[in-house]
Each structure stands twice: as C-alpha cells, then as structure tokens.
C-alpha cells in the first residue's frame, strides 16, 4: 500500500458508471474500463457529496447560446451532459468532458465518455464535435442551462 506524506497535494479525476447504491455506498465501474469484473466501492456520505453527476441538477437557468457555450467551455475535466441537434435533425444527448476549452469554427470538442466505455480503443479517443448553434441544453455542476 502506498504511504502519503503530510502536506502532499493529491488529485483524483475519474469517470464511473453507477451500478448500485446502498445507503452511503456506491458500487461503480470505471467508464474507460470495459471489464465490469473490476468494480469499485465508493463509501461514505462526505465522499458521495463530493461527486458530480452529468444527470442531476438542482436549479435551471435560462442563458443565451453564447453563455451556454461559455459554460460548456468551462467544464474542463468535470462531467457534463450536452443536448444538441445533429446535422440530420436528430436530437443527441452526449455525456462527456471538455478538457480542451477551445472553439474550432463554431464547434466545441467533447470527449464522449459513453463511446470510450463501449470501445476504450476507439481511434478517435471519443472526441466529438458539437455545433454550438445547435445546443439545446447543458447540465454542469448540478445546474441545467437552457436556451432563452
């Protein structure tokens, strides 16, 4: 077991799929690991309160498309849900992260975690481009941002 020194600065960023909840304990599998036999137990009320969900929100805020893109660009490595209209007119819901906050020709790069979960060896590394003009809503940090 690793030993940590007092005063060390630690970081832990990972993405999990919830399989089961029992009170203050979650059983999860890592999104990037398709082997479901390696389950992880996250235990404790304080730890559960620190988790960020791509699905849950407590408040709804109406914003402009530009403000919504700004929120999306600020997501960083936090998990986010983006609902947008694809070029063929279908609605798509993507759950991912935006570790590279840049816009390229009006499109934002998002890493689609569900693609990585299904195929960890995906040659695109799960990167998807979203046309910012077609974003319907964003869920980030327990807030639902919808278009005015």
Protein backbone atom coordinates (compact mmCIF):
# COMPACT_ATOMS: atom_id res chain seq x y z
CA UNK A 1 0.00 0.00 0.00
CA UNK A 2 1.25 3.49 -0.85
CA UNK A 3 2.11 5.81 2.01
CA UNK A 4 1.43 9.53 1.75
CA UNK A 5 3.35 12.30 3.44
CA UNK A 6 1.59 15.03 5.38
CA UNK A 7 1.30 18.11 3.20
CA UNK A 8 1.19 16.24 -0.13
CA UNK A 9 -1.19 17.63 -2.74
CA UNK A 10 -3.36 14.92 -4.34
CA UNK A 11 -5.73 14.80 -7.28
CA UNK A 12 -8.25 12.19 -8.35
CA UNK A 13 -10.24 12.56 -11.55
CA UNK A 14 -12.04 9.57 -12.98
CA UNK A 15 -15.35 8.71 -14.57
CA UNK A 16 -17.64 5.99 -13.26
CA UNK A 17 -20.91 4.28 -14.19
CA UNK A 18 -23.12 3.72 -11.13
CA UNK A 19 -24.18 0.09 -10.87
CA UNK A 20 -25.80 0.08 -7.43
CA UNK A 21 -26.36 2.29 -4.39
CA UNK A 22 -26.76 1.03 -0.85
CA UNK A 23 -27.25 3.98 1.52
CA UNK A 24 -23.98 5.93 1.64
CA UNK A 25 -22.16 3.43 -0.55
CA UNK A 26 -21.93 3.14 -4.34
CA UNK A 27 -20.74 0.25 -6.45
CA UNK A 28 -19.34 1.62 -9.71
CA UNK A 29 -17.30 0.58 -12.72
CA UNK A 30 -14.75 2.79 -14.41
CA UNK A 31 -16.06 4.20 -17.70
CA UNK A 32 -12.80 3.63 -19.59
CA UNK A 33 -12.55 0.03 -18.37
CA UNK A 34 -14.93 -2.30 -20.20
CA UNK A 35 -14.09 -5.16 -17.79
CA UNK A 36 -17.07 -4.97 -15.40
CA UNK A 37 -15.44 -7.55 -13.12
CA UNK A 38 -13.27 -4.77 -11.65
CA UNK A 39 -15.85 -3.00 -9.51
CA UNK A 40 -15.05 -0.14 -7.17
CA UNK A 41 -16.81 0.67 -3.91
CA UNK A 42 -17.16 4.36 -3.04
CA UNK A 43 -18.18 4.60 0.59
CA UNK A 44 -19.08 7.46 2.87
CA UNK A 45 -21.54 10.33 2.92
CA UNK A 46 -18.82 13.01 2.68
CA UNK A 47 -17.28 11.36 -0.37
CA UNK A 48 -20.65 10.88 -2.09
CA UNK A 49 -21.43 14.57 -1.56
CA UNK A 50 -18.25 15.44 -3.49
CA UNK A 51 -19.30 13.51 -6.61
CA UNK A 52 -20.55 15.42 -9.65
CA UNK A 53 -23.25 13.88 -11.84
CA UNK A 54 -23.85 14.53 -15.52
CA UNK A 55 -27.54 13.76 -15.00
CA UNK A 56 -28.61 15.53 -11.82
CA UNK A 57 -29.38 19.21 -11.40
CA UNK A 58 -30.94 21.28 -8.64
CA UNK A 59 -31.65 24.52 -10.48
CA UNK A 60 -32.49 25.60 -14.02
CA UNK A 61 -31.01 28.76 -15.53
CA UNK A 62 -32.03 30.34 -18.85
CA UNK A 63 -29.00 31.63 -20.76
CA UNK A 64 -28.09 32.76 -24.27
CA UNK A 65 -26.41 30.33 -26.67
CA UNK A 66 -23.14 32.21 -26.13
CA UNK A 67 -23.39 31.85 -22.35
CA UNK A 68 -24.22 28.16 -22.75
CA UNK A 69 -21.08 27.65 -24.87
CA UNK A 70 -19.06 29.51 -22.21
CA UNK A 71 -20.41 27.10 -19.55
CA UNK A 72 -19.51 24.15 -21.75
CA UNK A 73 -16.00 25.50 -22.31
CA UNK A 74 -15.57 25.94 -18.55
CA UNK A 75 -16.41 22.29 -17.82
CA UNK A 76 -12.80 21.12 -18.00
CA UNK A 77 -12.49 17.57 -16.68
CA UNK A 78 -15.88 17.69 -14.92
CA UNK A 79 -18.57 15.51 -16.44
CA UNK A 80 -21.21 17.32 -18.49
CA UNK A 81 -24.35 16.45 -20.47
CA UNK A 82 -24.96 18.26 -23.74
CA UNK A 83 -28.23 18.01 -25.66
CA UNK A 84 -27.92 19.19 -29.25
CA UNK A 85 -29.44 18.73 -32.70
CA UNK A 86 -27.31 16.77 -35.16
CA UNK A 87 -26.92 17.80 -38.80
CA UNK A 88 -29.53 15.19 -39.83
CA UNK A 89 -32.10 16.80 -37.48
CA UNK A 90 -31.99 14.16 -34.75
CA UNK A 91 -31.54 15.08 -31.10
CA UNK A 92 -28.38 13.72 -29.47
CA UNK A 93 -27.50 13.60 -25.78
CA UNK A 94 -23.78 13.33 -25.12
CA UNK A 95 -22.17 12.75 -21.72
CA UNK A 96 -18.54 13.69 -21.61
CA UNK A 97 -15.82 16.14 -20.68
CA UNK A 98 -14.21 19.17 -22.28
CA UNK A 99 -10.56 19.17 -21.19
CA UNK A 100 -9.55 21.43 -24.12
CA UNK A 101 -11.57 24.66 -23.83
CA UNK A 102 -11.40 25.92 -27.39
CA UNK A 103 -13.85 26.55 -30.19
CA UNK A 104 -12.94 25.49 -33.72
CA UNK A 105 -15.07 27.04 -36.48
CA UNK A 106 -18.08 27.31 -34.17
CA UNK A 107 -17.74 23.77 -32.87
CA UNK A 108 -16.66 22.53 -29.45
CA UNK A 109 -14.70 19.32 -28.88
CA UNK A 110 -16.18 17.00 -26.28
CA UNK A 111 -14.82 13.61 -25.24
CA UNK A 112 -17.81 11.25 -25.36
CA UNK A 113 -17.37 9.02 -22.29
CA UNK A 114 -20.04 6.57 -23.50
CA UNK A 115 -18.01 5.93 -26.67
CA UNK A 116 -14.93 5.21 -24.54
CA UNK A 117 -16.96 2.93 -22.28
CA UNK A 118 -18.12 0.83 -25.24
CA UNK A 119 -14.78 0.90 -27.05
CA UNK A 120 -11.76 2.01 -24.98
CA UNK A 121 -9.57 1.58 -28.08
CA UNK A 122 -11.71 3.98 -30.19
CA UNK A 123 -9.34 5.53 -32.75
CA UNK A 124 -10.95 8.97 -32.28
CA UNK A 125 -10.38 8.72 -28.49
CA UNK A 126 -14.09 9.55 -28.15
CA UNK A 127 -13.65 13.10 -29.46
CA UNK A 128 -16.85 14.54 -30.94
CA UNK A 129 -17.52 18.00 -32.38
CA UNK A 130 -20.70 19.83 -31.41
CA UNK A 131 -22.03 22.71 -33.48
CA UNK A 132 -22.53 25.40 -30.84
CA UNK A 133 -25.56 26.85 -32.66
CA UNK A 134 -27.48 23.59 -32.14
CA UNK A 135 -27.01 23.18 -28.37
CA UNK A 136 -30.39 22.86 -26.61
CA UNK A 137 -29.20 22.44 -23.02
CA UNK A 138 -26.16 21.72 -20.86
CA UNK A 139 -26.07 20.07 -17.41
CA UNK A 140 -22.98 21.04 -15.42
CA UNK A 141 -22.28 21.24 -11.67
CA UNK A 142 -25.90 20.49 -10.66
CA UNK A 143 -27.25 23.26 -12.94
CA UNK A 144 -29.40 22.83 -16.08
CA UNK A 145 -28.60 25.60 -18.56
CA UNK A 146 -31.29 26.02 -21.23
CA UNK A 147 -31.62 28.41 -24.16
CA UNK A 148 -33.62 31.59 -23.66
